[in-house]
Amino acid sequence: MLTPQEHRTLQFIRRHLAEHGYAPSLEEIGAAIGVRSRGSVHRYVSRLQDKGYLRRAPHGARALEVLDGPGDPAGSLPLLGRIAAGRPIEAIPGQDTLNLADFLLGPDRYALQVVGDSMIEAGILDGDTVVVRQQDRAEDGDIVVALIDGQEATLKRLRRCGGGMIELIPANAELSSMVYSAERVTIQGVVVGQLRSYR
């Protein structure tokens, strides 16, 4: 199973190949996933090769091919972990995939399981699974995956305040918003859909 950082690396390489026809450099990968160390980026790429998601083609130093990956069924999304919808909790990598052949697939999508009731008035309940488009920017009003201080992830509605502050707003009248300086908040994605099981 891929770690979140390995997944981000793979998705960026896949997008770059689709757009440019050749693999990105280590510097480009690092800039896209927020890692400055070339050595760390090289390790992610090497692990993806070891796990069967990438193959180095014989022609050219930057010639990489993206493979389907071992055991990944067609039309699946990586389930990367659980996301707090109450108090922030650490985002922990998961060990599963979701078969979503008919639901919001794309190379920049991933899924998170919601824990808590802070988004119930937006129709997102405890136990739901949200589908997220990976991106580092969002508009006011978007429901976002926000990483706080590089450690804790939470699901909230985004609003930018004056003075360089970010407000993360719950969709639950019984809960209060969380306000942080912008440098403490990293946007990791925007919710584009959700799944719910009734059994």
N, C-alpha and C. Protein backbone atom coordinates (compact mmCIF):
# COMPACT_ATOMS: atom_id res chain seq x y z
N MET A 1 0.84 -1.19 0.00
CA MET A 1 0.00 0.00 0.00
C MET A 1 0.88 1.24 0.00
N LEU A 2 0.47 2.29 -0.71
CA LEU A 2 1.26 3.51 -0.78
C LEU A 2 1.02 4.40 0.44
N THR A 3 2.09 5.08 0.87
CA THR A 3 1.93 6.13 1.86
C THR A 3 1.34 7.36 1.16
N PRO A 4 0.76 8.31 1.95
CA PRO A 4 0.23 9.52 1.30
C PRO A 4 1.25 10.25 0.44
N GLN A 5 2.51 10.34 0.90
CA GLN A 5 3.52 11.05 0.12
C GLN A 5 3.88 10.28 -1.15
N GLU A 6 3.94 8.95 -1.06
CA GLU A 6 4.18 8.15 -2.27
C GLU A 6 3.03 8.32 -3.26
N HIS A 7 1.81 8.37 -2.74
CA HIS A 7 0.65 8.55 -3.62
C HIS A 7 0.71 9.91 -4.32
N ARG A 8 1.06 10.97 -3.56
CA ARG A 8 1.17 12.28 -4.19
C ARG A 8 2.26 12.30 -5.25
N THR A 9 3.38 11.62 -4.96
CA THR A 9 4.47 11.54 -5.94
C THR A 9 4.00 10.85 -7.21
N LEU A 10 3.32 9.72 -7.05
CA LEU A 10 2.85 8.96 -8.21
C LEU A 10 1.85 9.77 -9.03
N GLN A 11 0.92 10.45 -8.36
CA GLN A 11 -0.09 11.20 -9.09
C GLN A 11 0.52 12.38 -9.84
N PHE A 12 1.53 13.03 -9.24
CA PHE A 12 2.18 14.13 -9.95
C PHE A 12 2.93 13.61 -11.17
N ILE A 13 3.64 12.49 -11.02
CA ILE A 13 4.36 11.92 -12.16
C ILE A 13 3.37 11.55 -13.26
N ARG A 14 2.24 10.96 -12.89
CA ARG A 14 1.22 10.57 -13.88
C ARG A 14 0.69 11.80 -14.62
N ARG A 15 0.39 12.87 -13.87
CA ARG A 15 -0.12 14.09 -14.52
C ARG A 15 0.93 14.72 -15.44
N HIS A 16 2.16 14.75 -14.97
CA HIS A 16 3.24 15.35 -15.76
C HIS A 16 3.46 14.58 -17.05
N LEU A 17 3.44 13.26 -16.96
CA LEU A 17 3.59 12.44 -18.17
C LEU A 17 2.45 12.69 -19.15
N ALA A 18 1.23 12.82 -18.62
CA ALA A 18 0.08 13.05 -19.50
C ALA A 18 0.16 14.40 -20.18
N GLU A 19 0.67 15.40 -19.46
CA GLU A 19 0.71 16.76 -20.00
C GLU A 19 1.92 17.02 -20.89
N HIS A 20 3.06 16.41 -20.56
CA HIS A 20 4.31 16.76 -21.25
C HIS A 20 4.91 15.62 -22.07
N GLY A 21 4.51 14.39 -21.77
CA GLY A 21 5.05 13.27 -22.52
C GLY A 21 6.36 12.73 -21.99
N TYR A 22 6.86 13.30 -20.90
CA TYR A 22 8.09 12.81 -20.28
C TYR A 22 7.98 13.02 -18.77
N ALA A 23 8.81 12.30 -18.02
CA ALA A 23 8.72 12.34 -16.57
C ALA A 23 9.29 13.63 -16.02
N PRO A 24 8.80 14.09 -14.86
CA PRO A 24 9.36 15.28 -14.24
C PRO A 24 10.72 15.00 -13.61
N SER A 25 11.48 16.06 -13.37
CA SER A 25 12.74 15.93 -12.66
C SER A 25 12.47 15.76 -11.16
N LEU A 26 13.51 15.37 -10.42
CA LEU A 26 13.36 15.25 -8.97
C LEU A 26 12.99 16.60 -8.35
N GLU A 27 13.58 17.68 -8.88
CA GLU A 27 13.27 19.02 -8.37
C GLU A 27 11.80 19.36 -8.60
N GLU A 28 11.28 19.02 -9.77
CA GLU A 28 9.88 19.30 -10.07
C GLU A 28 8.94 18.48 -9.18
N ILE A 29 9.31 17.22 -8.95
CA ILE A 29 8.49 16.39 -8.06
C ILE A 29 8.50 16.97 -6.66
N GLY A 30 9.70 17.32 -6.17
CA GLY A 30 9.82 17.88 -4.84
C GLY A 30 8.99 19.14 -4.66
N ALA A 31 9.03 20.03 -5.66
CA ALA A 31 8.25 21.27 -5.59
C ALA A 31 6.76 20.97 -5.55
N ALA A 32 6.32 19.95 -6.30
CA ALA A 32 4.90 19.62 -6.37
C ALA A 32 4.38 19.01 -5.08
N ILE A 33 5.22 18.24 -4.38
CA ILE A 33 4.75 17.54 -3.18
C ILE A 33 5.24 18.21 -1.89
N GLY A 34 5.98 19.33 -2.03
CA GLY A 34 6.41 20.07 -0.86
C GLY A 34 7.59 19.47 -0.13
N VAL A 35 8.52 18.84 -0.87
CA VAL A 35 9.71 18.23 -0.27
C VAL A 35 10.95 18.84 -0.92
N ARG A 36 11.84 19.38 -0.12
CA ARG A 36 13.02 20.04 -0.67
C ARG A 36 14.19 19.10 -0.94
N SER A 37 14.26 18.03 -0.20
CA SER A 37 15.41 17.12 -0.31
C SER A 37 15.30 16.23 -1.55
N ARG A 38 16.30 16.34 -2.44
CA ARG A 38 16.34 15.46 -3.62
C ARG A 38 16.44 14.00 -3.19
N GLY A 39 17.16 13.75 -2.10
CA GLY A 39 17.32 12.38 -1.62
C GLY A 39 15.99 11.76 -1.20
N SER A 40 15.16 12.57 -0.53
CA SER A 40 13.85 12.07 -0.11
C SER A 40 12.98 11.77 -1.33
N VAL A 41 13.00 12.69 -2.31
CA VAL A 41 12.20 12.47 -3.52
C VAL A 41 12.68 11.22 -4.25
N HIS A 42 14.00 11.05 -4.32
CA HIS A 42 14.56 9.86 -4.98
C HIS A 42 14.09 8.58 -4.28
N ARG A 43 14.00 8.63 -2.94
CA ARG A 43 13.53 7.46 -2.19
C ARG A 43 12.08 7.16 -2.52
N TYR A 44 11.23 8.20 -2.63
CA TYR A 44 9.83 7.97 -2.99
C TYR A 44 9.73 7.31 -4.36
N VAL A 45 10.50 7.82 -5.32
CA VAL A 45 10.47 7.25 -6.67
C VAL A 45 10.96 5.81 -6.65
N SER A 46 12.03 5.55 -5.90
CA SER A 46 12.57 4.19 -5.82
C SER A 46 11.57 3.24 -5.18
N ARG A 47 10.86 3.70 -4.14
CA ARG A 47 9.87 2.84 -3.49
C ARG A 47 8.71 2.54 -4.44
N LEU A 48 8.32 3.52 -5.22
CA LEU A 48 7.26 3.30 -6.21
C LEU A 48 7.69 2.27 -7.25
N GLN A 49 8.96 2.29 -7.62
CA GLN A 49 9.47 1.27 -8.54
C GLN A 49 9.47 -0.09 -7.85
N ASP A 50 9.93 -0.14 -6.60
CA ASP A 50 9.99 -1.42 -5.87
C ASP A 50 8.60 -2.01 -5.68
N LYS A 51 7.60 -1.13 -5.50
CA LYS A 51 6.23 -1.60 -5.27
C LYS A 51 5.47 -1.88 -6.56
N GLY A 52 6.11 -1.65 -7.69
CA GLY A 52 5.49 -2.00 -8.97
C GLY A 52 4.58 -0.95 -9.56
N TYR A 53 4.70 0.31 -9.11
CA TYR A 53 3.87 1.38 -9.66
C TYR A 53 4.59 2.17 -10.76
N LEU A 54 5.92 2.15 -10.73
CA LEU A 54 6.72 2.83 -11.74
C LEU A 54 7.74 1.87 -12.32
N ARG A 55 8.08 2.11 -13.58
CA ARG A 55 9.16 1.35 -14.21
C ARG A 55 10.03 2.33 -14.96
N ARG A 56 11.35 2.20 -14.79
CA ARG A 56 12.27 3.07 -15.52
C ARG A 56 12.49 2.50 -16.91
N ALA A 57 12.15 3.30 -17.91
CA ALA A 57 12.31 2.87 -19.30
C ALA A 57 13.79 2.95 -19.69
N PRO A 58 14.21 2.15 -20.66
CA PRO A 58 15.62 2.10 -21.02
C PRO A 58 16.13 3.35 -21.73
N HIS A 59 15.25 4.19 -22.26
CA HIS A 59 15.69 5.35 -23.03
C HIS A 59 15.55 6.63 -22.22
N GLY A 60 16.68 7.24 -21.86
CA GLY A 60 16.67 8.54 -21.21
C GLY A 60 16.69 8.48 -19.70
N ALA A 61 17.36 9.48 -19.11
CA ALA A 61 17.52 9.50 -17.65
C ALA A 61 16.19 9.76 -16.94
N ARG A 62 15.28 10.49 -17.59
CA ARG A 62 14.00 10.82 -16.96
C ARG A 62 12.86 10.02 -17.56
N ALA A 63 13.17 8.87 -18.12
CA ALA A 63 12.14 8.06 -18.79
C ALA A 63 11.51 7.11 -17.78
N LEU A 64 10.34 7.47 -17.28
CA LEU A 64 9.60 6.63 -16.36
C LEU A 64 8.27 6.25 -16.98
N GLU A 65 7.79 5.06 -16.64
CA GLU A 65 6.47 4.61 -17.08
C GLU A 65 5.64 4.32 -15.84
N VAL A 66 4.39 4.73 -15.84
CA VAL A 66 3.47 4.47 -14.72
C VAL A 66 2.74 3.17 -15.01
N LEU A 67 2.80 2.26 -14.05
CA LEU A 67 2.12 0.97 -14.16
C LEU A 67 0.86 1.00 -13.31
N ASP A 68 0.01 0.00 -13.47
CA ASP A 68 -1.23 -0.05 -12.70
C ASP A 68 -0.99 -0.28 -11.22
N GLY A 69 0.10 -0.93 -10.89
CA GLY A 69 0.39 -1.23 -9.50
C GLY A 69 -0.12 -2.60 -9.12
N PRO A 70 0.59 -3.29 -8.20
CA PRO A 70 0.21 -4.65 -7.83
C PRO A 70 -1.08 -4.68 -7.04
N GLY A 71 -2.03 -5.46 -7.49
CA GLY A 71 -3.24 -5.69 -6.73
C GLY A 71 -4.24 -4.56 -6.73
N ASP A 72 -3.99 -3.51 -7.54
CA ASP A 72 -4.95 -2.42 -7.59
C ASP A 72 -5.98 -2.70 -8.66
N PRO A 73 -7.23 -2.93 -8.31
CA PRO A 73 -8.25 -3.18 -9.32
C PRO A 73 -8.50 -1.94 -10.16
N ALA A 74 -8.92 -2.15 -11.38
CA ALA A 74 -9.27 -1.01 -12.23
C ALA A 74 -10.39 -0.22 -11.59
N GLY A 75 -10.27 1.10 -11.66
CA GLY A 75 -11.32 1.95 -11.09
C GLY A 75 -11.32 1.99 -9.59
N SER A 76 -10.15 2.09 -8.98
CA SER A 76 -10.09 2.18 -7.53
C SER A 76 -9.37 3.46 -7.12
N LEU A 77 -9.68 3.93 -5.91
CA LEU A 77 -8.99 5.06 -5.32
C LEU A 77 -8.28 4.59 -4.06
N PRO A 78 -7.10 5.15 -3.79
CA PRO A 78 -6.45 4.81 -2.52
C PRO A 78 -7.21 5.41 -1.35
N LEU A 79 -7.44 4.61 -0.33
CA LEU A 79 -8.04 5.09 0.91
C LEU A 79 -6.88 5.40 1.84
N LEU A 80 -6.55 6.70 1.99
CA LEU A 80 -5.30 7.09 2.63
C LEU A 80 -5.39 7.18 4.15
N GLY A 81 -6.59 7.20 4.69
CA GLY A 81 -6.67 7.27 6.15
C GLY A 81 -8.02 7.78 6.59
N ARG A 82 -8.07 8.32 7.81
CA ARG A 82 -9.29 8.84 8.38
C ARG A 82 -9.10 10.33 8.62
N ILE A 83 -10.18 11.11 8.54
CA ILE A 83 -10.08 12.55 8.68
C ILE A 83 -11.05 13.02 9.76
N ALA A 84 -10.58 13.90 10.62
CA ALA A 84 -11.40 14.38 11.73
C ALA A 84 -12.44 15.37 11.22
N ALA A 85 -13.66 15.24 11.70
CA ALA A 85 -14.68 16.25 11.46
C ALA A 85 -15.15 16.80 12.81
N GLY A 86 -14.34 16.62 13.81
CA GLY A 86 -14.56 17.21 15.13
C GLY A 86 -13.27 17.92 15.49
N ARG A 87 -12.63 17.51 16.56
CA ARG A 87 -11.30 18.06 16.86
C ARG A 87 -10.31 17.46 15.88
N PRO A 88 -9.27 18.22 15.49
CA PRO A 88 -8.28 17.67 14.56
C PRO A 88 -7.59 16.45 15.15
N ILE A 89 -7.34 15.46 14.29
CA ILE A 89 -6.57 14.29 14.67
C ILE A 89 -5.49 14.08 13.64
N GLU A 90 -4.49 13.30 14.00
CA GLU A 90 -3.42 13.01 13.05
C GLU A 90 -3.97 12.18 11.90
N ALA A 91 -3.61 12.56 10.66
CA ALA A 91 -4.01 11.78 9.50
C ALA A 91 -3.09 10.58 9.39
N ILE A 92 -3.67 9.37 9.47
CA ILE A 92 -2.88 8.13 9.50
C ILE A 92 -3.13 7.37 8.21
N PRO A 93 -2.06 6.95 7.52
CA PRO A 93 -2.26 6.20 6.28
C PRO A 93 -3.10 4.97 6.49
N GLY A 94 -4.00 4.71 5.54
CA GLY A 94 -4.85 3.54 5.61
C GLY A 94 -4.26 2.36 4.86
N GLN A 95 -4.98 1.29 4.78
CA GLN A 95 -4.48 0.06 4.20
C GLN A 95 -5.46 -0.52 3.19
N ASP A 96 -6.18 0.31 2.44
CA ASP A 96 -7.24 -0.22 1.60
C ASP A 96 -7.42 0.64 0.37
N THR A 97 -8.23 0.16 -0.54
CA THR A 97 -8.66 0.96 -1.68
C THR A 97 -10.17 0.87 -1.80
N LEU A 98 -10.76 1.83 -2.50
CA LEU A 98 -12.18 1.84 -2.75
C LEU A 98 -12.40 1.67 -4.24
N ASN A 99 -13.25 0.71 -4.63
CA ASN A 99 -13.56 0.52 -6.03
C ASN A 99 -14.65 1.50 -6.43
N LEU A 100 -14.28 2.50 -7.20
CA LEU A 100 -15.18 3.58 -7.54
C LEU A 100 -15.24 3.78 -9.04
N ALA A 101 -15.43 2.71 -9.76
CA ALA A 101 -15.38 2.78 -11.22
C ALA A 101 -16.38 3.77 -11.80
N ASP A 102 -17.50 3.96 -11.13
CA ASP A 102 -18.52 4.85 -11.66
C ASP A 102 -18.63 6.16 -10.87
N PHE A 103 -17.60 6.48 -10.08
CA PHE A 103 -17.75 7.61 -9.17
C PHE A 103 -16.49 8.45 -9.11
N LEU A 104 -16.48 9.57 -9.76
CA LEU A 104 -15.49 10.63 -9.56
C LEU A 104 -14.05 10.15 -9.55
N LEU A 105 -13.69 9.38 -10.56
CA LEU A 105 -12.31 8.91 -10.64
C LEU A 105 -11.42 9.95 -11.28
N GLY A 106 -10.15 9.86 -11.01
CA GLY A 106 -9.17 10.74 -11.62
C GLY A 106 -7.82 10.55 -10.95
N PRO A 107 -6.76 10.91 -11.65
CA PRO A 107 -5.42 10.69 -11.10
C PRO A 107 -5.11 11.58 -9.90
N ASP A 108 -5.94 12.62 -9.68
CA ASP A 108 -5.69 13.53 -8.57
C ASP A 108 -6.71 13.36 -7.45
N ARG A 109 -7.38 12.22 -7.41
CA ARG A 109 -8.43 11.98 -6.40
C ARG A 109 -7.95 10.98 -5.35
N TYR A 110 -8.46 11.16 -4.13
CA TYR A 110 -8.27 10.16 -3.08
C TYR A 110 -9.46 10.22 -2.14
N ALA A 111 -9.55 9.25 -1.24
CA ALA A 111 -10.71 9.13 -0.36
C ALA A 111 -10.28 9.20 1.10
N LEU A 112 -11.15 9.76 1.92
CA LEU A 112 -10.93 9.83 3.37
C LEU A 112 -12.23 9.47 4.09
N GLN A 113 -12.10 8.74 5.18
CA GLN A 113 -13.26 8.40 5.99
C GLN A 113 -13.45 9.47 7.07
N VAL A 114 -14.67 9.98 7.20
CA VAL A 114 -14.97 11.06 8.13
C VAL A 114 -15.20 10.50 9.53
N VAL A 115 -14.60 11.16 10.51
CA VAL A 115 -14.80 10.80 11.91
C VAL A 115 -15.27 12.04 12.65
N GLY A 116 -16.47 12.01 13.20
CA GLY A 116 -16.98 13.16 13.94
C GLY A 116 -18.21 13.77 13.27
N ASP A 117 -18.79 14.79 13.91
CA ASP A 117 -20.07 15.33 13.46
C ASP A 117 -20.02 16.82 13.14
N SER A 118 -18.84 17.36 12.90
CA SER A 118 -18.75 18.81 12.70
C SER A 118 -19.24 19.26 11.33
N MET A 119 -19.51 18.33 10.39
CA MET A 119 -19.95 18.72 9.05
C MET A 119 -21.34 18.20 8.73
N ILE A 120 -22.14 17.89 9.77
CA ILE A 120 -23.44 17.25 9.53
C ILE A 120 -24.42 18.16 8.79
N GLU A 121 -24.33 19.46 8.99
CA GLU A 121 -25.26 20.37 8.31
C GLU A 121 -24.90 20.56 6.84
N ALA A 122 -23.74 20.05 6.43
CA ALA A 122 -23.37 20.00 5.02
C ALA A 122 -23.69 18.62 4.44
N GLY A 123 -24.36 17.78 5.25
CA GLY A 123 -24.73 16.45 4.79
C GLY A 123 -23.60 15.44 4.87
N ILE A 124 -22.52 15.77 5.56
CA ILE A 124 -21.38 14.86 5.71
C ILE A 124 -21.43 14.31 7.14
N LEU A 125 -21.72 13.03 7.25
CA LEU A 125 -21.95 12.43 8.56
C LEU A 125 -20.76 11.59 9.00
N ASP A 126 -20.71 11.33 10.30
CA ASP A 126 -19.70 10.44 10.86
C ASP A 126 -19.77 9.09 10.15
N GLY A 127 -18.66 8.60 9.65
CA GLY A 127 -18.62 7.33 8.94
C GLY A 127 -18.71 7.46 7.43
N ASP A 128 -19.12 8.63 6.91
CA ASP A 128 -19.12 8.84 5.46
C ASP A 128 -17.70 8.81 4.92
N THR A 129 -17.61 8.58 3.63
CA THR A 129 -16.33 8.67 2.93
C THR A 129 -16.41 9.83 1.95
N VAL A 130 -15.47 10.75 2.06
CA VAL A 130 -15.44 11.87 1.12
C VAL A 130 -14.38 11.61 0.06
N VAL A 131 -14.69 12.04 -1.17
CA VAL A 131 -13.74 11.97 -2.27
C VAL A 131 -13.14 13.37 -2.43
N VAL A 132 -11.83 13.42 -2.45
CA VAL A 132 -11.10 14.69 -2.42
C VAL A 132 -10.27 14.84 -3.68
N ARG A 133 -10.31 16.04 -4.26
CA ARG A 133 -9.40 16.37 -5.35
C ARG A 133 -8.16 17.01 -4.74
N GLN A 134 -7.02 16.39 -4.96
CA GLN A 134 -5.77 16.88 -4.39
C GLN A 134 -5.39 18.21 -5.03
N GLN A 135 -5.26 19.25 -4.20
CA GLN A 135 -4.82 20.56 -4.67
C GLN A 135 -4.42 21.37 -3.47
N ASP A 136 -3.58 22.38 -3.68
CA ASP A 136 -3.08 23.17 -2.57
C ASP A 136 -3.72 24.55 -2.49
N ARG A 137 -4.73 24.80 -3.33
CA ARG A 137 -5.48 26.05 -3.28
C ARG A 137 -6.97 25.74 -3.21
N ALA A 138 -7.71 26.66 -2.59
CA ALA A 138 -9.16 26.48 -2.50
C ALA A 138 -9.81 27.85 -2.43
N GLU A 139 -11.08 27.89 -2.80
CA GLU A 139 -11.86 29.12 -2.75
C GLU A 139 -12.62 29.20 -1.42
N ASP A 140 -12.91 30.42 -1.01
CA ASP A 140 -13.75 30.59 0.18
C ASP A 140 -15.06 29.83 -0.03
N GLY A 141 -15.48 29.10 0.98
CA GLY A 141 -16.70 28.32 0.91
C GLY A 141 -16.47 26.87 0.54
N ASP A 142 -15.29 26.52 0.00
CA ASP A 142 -14.99 25.12 -0.31
C ASP A 142 -14.86 24.32 0.98
N ILE A 143 -15.27 23.06 0.91
CA ILE A 143 -15.00 22.13 2.01
C ILE A 143 -13.64 21.52 1.72
N VAL A 144 -12.70 21.72 2.64
CA VAL A 144 -11.31 21.39 2.37
C VAL A 144 -10.76 20.40 3.38
N VAL A 145 -9.71 19.71 2.96
CA VAL A 145 -8.84 18.97 3.87
C VAL A 145 -7.72 19.93 4.24
N ALA A 146 -7.68 20.34 5.50
CA ALA A 146 -6.69 21.31 5.95
C ALA A 146 -5.74 20.65 6.94
N LEU A 147 -4.46 20.81 6.69
CA LEU A 147 -3.43 20.29 7.60
C LEU A 147 -2.95 21.45 8.47
N ILE A 148 -3.03 21.27 9.78
CA ILE A 148 -2.70 22.32 10.72
C ILE A 148 -1.35 22.03 11.34
N ASP A 149 -0.44 22.98 11.23
CA ASP A 149 0.91 22.86 11.79
C ASP A 149 1.65 21.65 11.25
N GLY A 150 1.27 21.18 10.06
CA GLY A 150 1.96 20.05 9.45
C GLY A 150 1.71 18.73 10.14
N GLN A 151 0.74 18.67 11.08
CA GLN A 151 0.55 17.46 11.87
C GLN A 151 -0.88 16.94 11.89
N GLU A 152 -1.84 17.83 12.06
CA GLU A 152 -3.23 17.41 12.27
C GLU A 152 -4.08 17.83 11.08
N ALA A 153 -4.88 16.90 10.59
CA ALA A 153 -5.75 17.20 9.45
C ALA A 153 -7.19 17.26 9.91
N THR A 154 -7.96 18.15 9.29
CA THR A 154 -9.36 18.28 9.62
C THR A 154 -10.15 18.64 8.37
N LEU A 155 -11.44 18.35 8.40
CA LEU A 155 -12.35 18.63 7.29
C LEU A 155 -13.25 19.79 7.70
N LYS A 156 -13.15 20.92 7.01
CA LYS A 156 -13.93 22.10 7.37
C LYS A 156 -14.19 22.94 6.12
N ARG A 157 -15.10 23.91 6.26
CA ARG A 157 -15.32 24.89 5.20
C ARG A 157 -14.33 26.04 5.38
N LEU A 158 -13.74 26.47 4.27
CA LEU A 158 -12.66 27.45 4.31
C LEU A 158 -13.21 28.88 4.19
N ARG A 159 -12.64 29.78 5.00
CA ARG A 159 -12.89 31.21 4.81
C ARG A 159 -11.64 31.98 5.18
N ARG A 160 -11.22 32.86 4.29
CA ARG A 160 -10.06 33.71 4.56
C ARG A 160 -10.53 34.97 5.29
N CYS A 161 -9.85 35.29 6.37
CA CYS A 161 -10.18 36.47 7.16
C CYS A 161 -9.13 37.55 6.88
N GLY A 162 -9.37 38.74 7.39
CA GLY A 162 -8.38 39.79 7.28
C GLY A 162 -7.16 39.49 8.14
N GLY A 163 -6.07 40.17 7.84
CA GLY A 163 -4.86 40.03 8.65
C GLY A 163 -4.14 38.72 8.47
N GLY A 164 -4.33 38.05 7.33
CA GLY A 164 -3.61 36.81 7.07
C GLY A 164 -4.07 35.64 7.92
N MET A 165 -5.35 35.63 8.28
CA MET A 165 -5.89 34.55 9.09
C MET A 165 -6.80 33.66 8.25
N ILE A 166 -6.89 32.39 8.64
CA ILE A 166 -7.75 31.40 7.99
C ILE A 166 -8.76 30.91 9.02
N GLU A 167 -10.04 30.92 8.62
CA GLU A 167 -11.09 30.36 9.48
C GLU A 167 -11.55 29.04 8.91
N LEU A 168 -11.54 28.01 9.72
CA LEU A 168 -12.03 26.69 9.34
C LEU A 168 -13.38 26.50 10.05
N ILE A 169 -14.44 26.46 9.25
CA ILE A 169 -15.79 26.58 9.78
C ILE A 169 -16.50 25.22 9.78
N PRO A 170 -16.96 24.76 10.93
CA PRO A 170 -17.75 23.53 10.96
C PRO A 170 -19.15 23.78 10.43
N ALA A 171 -19.78 22.72 9.94
CA ALA A 171 -21.18 22.80 9.52
C ALA A 171 -22.01 22.14 10.62
N ASN A 172 -21.94 22.72 11.80
CA ASN A 172 -22.66 22.23 12.97
C ASN A 172 -22.82 23.42 13.92
N ALA A 173 -24.05 23.86 14.12
CA ALA A 173 -24.31 25.07 14.90
C ALA A 173 -23.83 24.97 16.34
N GLU A 174 -23.58 23.75 16.81
CA GLU A 174 -23.15 23.58 18.20
C GLU A 174 -21.64 23.73 18.37
N LEU A 175 -20.92 23.84 17.26
CA LEU A 175 -19.46 23.91 17.31
C LEU A 175 -18.96 25.26 16.85
N SER A 176 -17.79 25.64 17.32
CA SER A 176 -17.19 26.93 16.98
C SER A 176 -16.16 26.75 15.87
N SER A 177 -15.96 27.83 15.13
CA SER A 177 -14.92 27.84 14.10
C SER A 177 -13.55 27.80 14.74
N MET A 178 -12.56 27.37 13.94
CA MET A 178 -11.16 27.40 14.35
C MET A 178 -10.46 28.43 13.48
N VAL A 179 -9.70 29.34 14.09
CA VAL A 179 -9.02 30.39 13.36
C VAL A 179 -7.52 30.25 13.59
N TYR A 180 -6.77 30.26 12.47
CA TYR A 180 -5.32 30.10 12.53
C TYR A 180 -4.67 31.12 11.60
N SER A 181 -3.43 31.44 11.87
CA SER A 181 -2.66 32.23 10.91
C SER A 181 -2.46 31.39 9.66
N ALA A 182 -2.44 32.05 8.50
CA ALA A 182 -2.41 31.34 7.22
C ALA A 182 -1.22 30.41 7.11
N GLU A 183 -0.08 30.79 7.68
CA GLU A 183 1.11 29.94 7.55
C GLU A 183 0.99 28.64 8.32
N ARG A 184 0.03 28.54 9.21
CA ARG A 184 -0.16 27.29 9.97
C ARG A 184 -1.05 26.30 9.24
N VAL A 185 -1.72 26.74 8.18
CA VAL A 185 -2.72 25.91 7.50
C VAL A 185 -2.25 25.59 6.09
N THR A 186 -2.22 24.31 5.76
CA THR A 186 -1.88 23.85 4.41
C THR A 186 -3.11 23.16 3.83
N ILE A 187 -3.57 23.63 2.67
CA ILE A 187 -4.69 23.00 2.00
C ILE A 187 -4.17 21.77 1.26
N GLN A 188 -4.78 20.62 1.53
CA GLN A 188 -4.36 19.38 0.89
C GLN A 188 -5.35 18.88 -0.15
N GLY A 189 -6.53 19.47 -0.19
CA GLY A 189 -7.50 19.05 -1.19
C GLY A 189 -8.86 19.65 -0.93
N VAL A 190 -9.74 19.51 -1.92
CA VAL A 190 -11.11 20.01 -1.84
C VAL A 190 -12.07 18.85 -2.04
N VAL A 191 -13.09 18.77 -1.21
CA VAL A 191 -14.07 17.69 -1.31
C VAL A 191 -14.88 17.86 -2.60
N VAL A 192 -14.96 16.77 -3.37
CA VAL A 192 -15.74 16.81 -4.62
C VAL A 192 -16.88 15.80 -4.59
N GLY A 193 -16.98 14.98 -3.58
CA GLY A 193 -18.08 14.02 -3.49
C GLY A 193 -17.97 13.22 -2.21
N GLN A 194 -18.96 12.37 -2.00
CA GLN A 194 -18.94 11.53 -0.81
C GLN A 194 -19.70 10.23 -1.07
N LEU A 195 -19.42 9.26 -0.23
CA LEU A 195 -20.08 7.96 -0.27
C LEU A 195 -20.61 7.67 1.12
N ARG A 196 -21.73 6.92 1.16
CA ARG A 196 -22.30 6.53 2.45
C ARG A 196 -22.89 5.14 2.32
N SER A 197 -22.59 4.31 3.30
CA SER A 197 -23.17 2.98 3.34
C SER A 197 -24.32 2.96 4.34
N TYR A 198 -25.42 2.31 3.98
CA TYR A 198 -26.57 2.22 4.86
C TYR A 198 -26.71 0.83 5.45
N ARG A 199 -25.70 0.03 5.34
CA ARG A 199 -25.76 -1.33 5.89
C ARG A 199 -24.70 -1.51 6.95
